[in-house]
Amino acid sequence: MKLLACWTSSPLSLHQLVARKAVQELDEGRGWFTEAKDIDGKLIKTKFERRWNEMVEQEAVRLGVKFQVATKWCSFIAVEENESGSEEGLPEYGMVDNENIGA
């Protein structure tokens, strides 16, 4: 695994860099996830071929949320607290269906 460090106004932790690289490999169809096997030694990718793209997306979202890395499947928004200090009506975090954005 090659890591490329890039400097931004907000430095990323090593964990974030590794998570970003793992998501990039998921997007490119490479990495550990594509080589994962079940208990019988059969590739998960082959066993769940019809759901594979959904599984890749779920793993990318899991990594993005856990390590706070924005990807094509996962993004973050900033929420400003109101005067009472609460964020009324907003969930802590949630999933958004990309197909319904802007509809």
Protein backbone atom coordinates (compact mmCIF):
# COMPACT_ATOMS: atom_id res chain seq x y z
CA MET A 1 0.00 0.00 0.00
CA LYS A 2 1.42 3.38 -1.03
CA LEU A 3 0.53 6.46 0.98
CA LEU A 4 0.77 9.92 -0.45
CA ALA A 5 0.82 12.71 2.09
CA CYS A 6 -0.67 15.98 0.99
CA TRP A 7 -0.62 19.11 3.08
CA THR A 8 -3.82 21.03 3.55
CA SER A 9 -4.95 23.77 5.88
CA SER A 10 -6.18 21.04 8.21
CA PRO A 11 -3.69 18.17 8.55
CA LEU A 12 -5.10 14.66 8.39
CA SER A 13 -4.21 12.01 10.90
CA LEU A 14 -2.48 8.82 9.82
CA HIS A 15 -5.76 6.97 10.38
CA GLN A 16 -7.55 9.34 8.02
CA LEU A 17 -4.88 8.93 5.35
CA VAL A 18 -5.13 5.14 5.57
CA ALA A 19 -8.94 5.27 5.49
CA ARG A 20 -8.83 7.57 2.45
CA LYS A 21 -6.49 5.14 0.67
CA ALA A 22 -8.72 2.17 1.58
CA VAL A 23 -11.77 3.97 0.14
CA GLN A 24 -9.81 4.83 -3.00
CA GLU A 25 -8.93 1.14 -3.41
CA LEU A 26 -12.58 0.18 -2.91
CA ASP A 27 -13.55 2.63 -5.64
CA GLU A 28 -10.91 1.15 -7.97
CA GLY A 29 -11.96 -2.44 -7.26
CA ARG A 30 -8.73 -3.29 -5.43
CA GLY A 31 -7.63 -3.76 -1.84
CA TRP A 32 -8.33 -6.10 1.03
CA PHE A 33 -12.11 -6.00 0.62
CA THR A 34 -11.95 -7.52 -2.87
CA GLU A 35 -9.76 -10.36 -1.54
CA ALA A 36 -11.89 -11.14 1.54
CA LYS A 37 -12.98 -14.78 1.85
CA ASP A 38 -15.65 -16.57 3.83
CA ILE A 39 -14.96 -19.40 6.27
CA ASP A 40 -14.92 -21.91 3.37
CA GLY A 41 -12.31 -19.92 1.45
CA LYS A 42 -14.74 -18.61 -1.18
CA LEU A 43 -14.33 -14.97 -2.22
CA ILE A 44 -17.03 -12.76 -0.71
CA LYS A 45 -17.10 -10.85 -4.00
CA THR A 46 -18.11 -14.06 -5.82
CA LYS A 47 -20.48 -15.29 -3.12
CA PHE A 48 -22.46 -12.03 -3.02
CA GLU A 49 -21.98 -10.94 -6.63
CA ARG A 50 -25.42 -9.32 -7.00
CA ARG A 51 -24.95 -7.20 -3.85
CA TRP A 52 -21.24 -6.50 -4.28
CA ASN A 53 -21.57 -2.83 -5.31
CA GLU A 54 -23.87 -2.16 -2.36
CA MET A 55 -21.39 -3.85 0.00
CA VAL A 56 -18.51 -1.76 -1.37
CA GLU A 57 -20.52 1.43 -0.87
CA GLN A 58 -21.49 0.43 2.69
CA GLU A 59 -17.85 -0.23 3.59
CA ALA A 60 -16.75 3.07 2.07
CA VAL A 61 -19.44 4.92 4.06
CA ARG A 62 -18.46 3.07 7.25
CA LEU A 63 -14.83 4.11 6.82
CA GLY A 64 -15.79 7.67 5.90
CA VAL A 65 -17.99 8.14 8.96
CA LYS A 66 -15.64 6.41 11.38
CA PHE A 67 -12.55 8.34 10.28
CA GLN A 68 -14.30 11.52 9.08
CA VAL A 69 -13.07 11.24 5.50
CA ALA A 70 -15.20 12.72 2.73
CA THR A 71 -15.57 10.47 -0.32
CA LYS A 72 -17.93 10.18 -3.26
CA TRP A 73 -20.19 8.13 -0.98
CA CYS A 74 -19.80 10.13 2.22
CA SER A 75 -19.74 13.84 2.92
CA PHE A 76 -20.16 16.05 5.96
CA ILE A 77 -21.93 19.29 6.69
CA ALA A 78 -21.30 21.91 9.33
CA VAL A 79 -24.17 22.78 11.64
CA GLU A 80 -24.29 26.03 13.54
CA GLU A 81 -25.87 25.94 16.97
CA ASN A 82 -28.76 28.32 17.55
CA GLU A 83 -28.89 30.76 20.48
CA SER A 84 -30.18 28.11 22.88
CA GLY A 85 -27.16 25.91 22.08
CA SER A 86 -29.22 23.16 20.47
CA GLU A 87 -29.45 21.84 16.94
CA GLU A 88 -33.21 21.39 16.76
CA GLY A 89 -34.55 18.92 14.26
CA LEU A 90 -31.17 17.65 13.10
CA PRO A 91 -30.05 14.06 13.69
CA GLU A 92 -26.56 13.39 15.06
CA TYR A 93 -25.71 11.88 11.68
CA GLY A 94 -27.66 10.07 9.05
CA MET A 95 -27.71 8.58 5.62
CA VAL A 96 -28.82 10.65 2.65
CA ASP A 97 -30.00 9.08 -0.57
CA ASN A 98 -27.93 10.83 -3.27
CA GLU A 99 -30.67 10.27 -5.84
CA ASN A 100 -33.07 12.50 -3.90
CA ILE A 101 -30.72 15.45 -3.51
CA GLY A 102 -31.96 18.43 -5.46
CA ALA A 103 -35.18 16.67 -6.42
